[in-house]
Amino acid sequence: MPLYEYQCQTDGTVIELMRPMADADKPVADPAGKGRVFTRKFSTFAAKGAEGRSVSLGMGGGCGCGKPHGGCGSH
C-alpha cells in the first residue's frame, strides 16, 4: 500500500498515511481531533551518498529508450 503525505493548510502540520490508491484523495480525519482539514501534498524523495552528495536515482530527464536526451539520435 502506498504511503501518502497530507498537510494541514491552517498550521502546516504534515501527517503520513498508508492508504489504497483509490482512497488517496479522500478526506482525512484530523488525528488530533481538532477539526483541521488535511489535503494530499506532492511528496519528494532525496537520498544522500558519500560525503553528503546527492545521489541520482535514474528517474526522469531522458529518452524513452533509457539513454540521456539525444542518446538514441531520435531527439
C-alpha atoms as a PDB file:
ATOM      1  CA  MET A   1       0.000   0.000   0.000  1.00  0.00           C
ATOM      2  CA  PRO A   2       1.384   3.457  -0.886  1.00  0.00           C
ATOM      3  CA  LEU A   3       2.422   5.994   1.724  1.00  0.00           C
ATOM      4  CA  TYR A   4       0.917   9.455   1.236  1.00  0.00           C
ATOM      5  CA  GLU A   5       1.642  12.789   2.910  1.00  0.00           C
ATOM      6  CA  TYR A   6      -1.141  15.149   3.924  1.00  0.00           C
ATOM      7  CA  GLN A   7      -0.728  18.742   5.103  1.00  0.00           C
ATOM      8  CA  CYS A   8      -2.974  20.959   7.188  1.00  0.00           C
ATOM      9  CA  GLN A   9      -3.421  24.261   5.358  1.00  0.00           C
ATOM     10  CA  THR A  10      -4.051  26.083   8.659  1.00  0.00           C
ATOM     11  CA  ASP A  11      -0.916  25.253  10.652  1.00  0.00           C
ATOM     12  CA  GLY A  12       1.308  23.303   8.223  1.00  0.00           C
ATOM     13  CA  THR A  13       1.231  20.024  10.182  1.00  0.00           C
ATOM     14  CA  VAL A  14       2.185  17.087   7.941  1.00  0.00           C
ATOM     15  CA  ILE A  15       0.995  13.518   8.532  1.00  0.00           C
ATOM     16  CA  GLU A  16       1.718  10.292   6.648  1.00  0.00           C
ATOM     17  CA  LEU A  17      -0.872   7.612   5.951  1.00  0.00           C
ATOM     18  CA  MET A  18      -0.733   4.249   4.218  1.00  0.00           C
ATOM     19  CA  ARG A  19      -3.872   4.011   2.110  1.00  0.00           C
ATOM     20  CA  PRO A  20      -5.062   2.259  -1.023  1.00  0.00           C
ATOM     21  CA  MET A  21      -4.546   4.339  -4.180  1.00  0.00           C
ATOM     22  CA  ALA A  22      -8.323   4.578  -4.601  1.00  0.00           C
ATOM     23  CA  ASP A  23      -8.509   6.409  -1.245  1.00  0.00           C
ATOM     24  CA  ALA A  24      -5.550   8.767  -1.822  1.00  0.00           C
ATOM     25  CA  ASP A  25      -7.659  11.922  -2.205  1.00  0.00           C
ATOM     26  CA  LYS A  26     -10.468  11.024   0.185  1.00  0.00           C
ATOM     27  CA  PRO A  27     -10.902  13.236   3.265  1.00  0.00           C
ATOM     28  CA  VAL A  28      -8.505  12.612   6.153  1.00  0.00           C
ATOM     29  CA  ALA A  29      -9.760  12.744   9.733  1.00  0.00           C
ATOM     30  CA  ASP A  30      -7.672  15.016  11.984  1.00  0.00           C
ATOM     31  CA  PRO A  31      -5.614  12.612  14.124  1.00  0.00           C
ATOM     32  CA  ALA A  32      -5.621  15.136  16.999  1.00  0.00           C
ATOM     33  CA  GLY A  33      -9.403  15.622  16.807  1.00  0.00           C
ATOM     34  CA  LYS A  34      -9.070  19.398  16.327  1.00  0.00           C
ATOM     35  CA  GLY A  35     -11.216  19.507  13.178  1.00  0.00           C
ATOM     36  CA  ARG A  36      -8.325  20.563  10.920  1.00  0.00           C
ATOM     37  CA  VAL A  37      -8.547  19.819   7.203  1.00  0.00           C
ATOM     38  CA  PHE A  38      -5.682  17.881   5.598  1.00  0.00           C
ATOM     39  CA  THR A  39      -5.040  17.710   1.852  1.00  0.00           C
ATOM     40  CA  ARG A  40      -2.675  15.426  -0.002  1.00  0.00           C
ATOM     41  CA  LYS A  41       0.628  17.049  -0.864  1.00  0.00           C
ATOM     42  CA  PHE A  42       3.185  16.245  -3.523  1.00  0.00           C
ATOM     43  CA  SER A  43       5.855  14.120  -1.865  1.00  0.00           C
ATOM     44  CA  THR A  44       9.503  14.275  -2.825  1.00  0.00           C
ATOM     45  CA  PHE A  45      12.323  11.879  -2.130  1.00  0.00           C
ATOM     46  CA  ALA A  46      16.008  12.664  -1.818  1.00  0.00           C
ATOM     47  CA  ALA A  47      18.930  10.427  -0.997  1.00  0.00           C
ATOM     48  CA  LYS A  48      22.427  11.353   0.112  1.00  0.00           C
ATOM     49  CA  GLY A  49      25.522   9.397  -0.816  1.00  0.00           C
ATOM     50  CA  ALA A  50      29.063   9.519   0.497  1.00  0.00           C
ATOM     51  CA  GLU A  51      30.222  12.912   1.743  1.00  0.00           C
ATOM     52  CA  GLY A  52      26.648  14.284   1.619  1.00  0.00           C
ATOM     53  CA  ARG A  53      26.454  14.431  -2.179  1.00  0.00           C
ATOM     54  CA  SER A  54      23.095  13.887  -3.834  1.00  0.00           C
ATOM     55  CA  VAL A  55      22.527  10.506  -5.429  1.00  0.00           C
ATOM     56  CA  SER A  56      20.846  10.160  -8.805  1.00  0.00           C
ATOM     57  CA  LEU A  57      18.047   7.626  -8.742  1.00  0.00           C
ATOM     58  CA  GLY A  58      17.770   7.444 -12.521  1.00  0.00           C
ATOM     59  CA  MET A  59      14.305   8.995 -12.685  1.00  0.00           C
ATOM     60  CA  GLY A  60      13.206  11.334 -15.446  1.00  0.00           C
ATOM     61  CA  GLY A  61      15.275  13.528 -17.711  1.00  0.00           C
ATOM     62  CA  GLY A  62      15.944  11.107 -20.518  1.00  0.00           C
ATOM     63  CA  CYS A  63      14.730   9.460 -23.664  1.00  0.00           C
ATOM     64  CA  GLY A  64      12.125   6.702 -23.670  1.00  0.00           C
ATOM     65  CA  CYS A  65      14.917   4.320 -24.703  1.00  0.00           C
ATOM     66  CA  GLY A  66      16.612   4.956 -21.332  1.00  0.00           C
ATOM     67  CA  LYS A  67      19.540   6.961 -22.710  1.00  0.00           C
ATOM     68  CA  PRO A  68      20.130  10.640 -21.885  1.00  0.00           C
ATOM     69  CA  HIS A  69      18.481  13.198 -24.198  1.00  0.00           C
ATOM     70  CA  GLY A  70      19.915  12.775 -27.681  1.00  0.00           C
ATOM     71  CA  GLY A  71      21.498   9.416 -26.817  1.00  0.00           C
ATOM     72  CA  CYS A  72      19.495   7.417 -29.341  1.00  0.00           C
ATOM     73  CA  GLY A  73      19.568  10.070 -32.054  1.00  0.00           C
ATOM     74  CA  SER A  74      15.780  10.467 -32.175  1.00  0.00           C
ATOM     75  CA  HIS A  75      15.721  13.790 -30.252  1.00  0.00           C
END
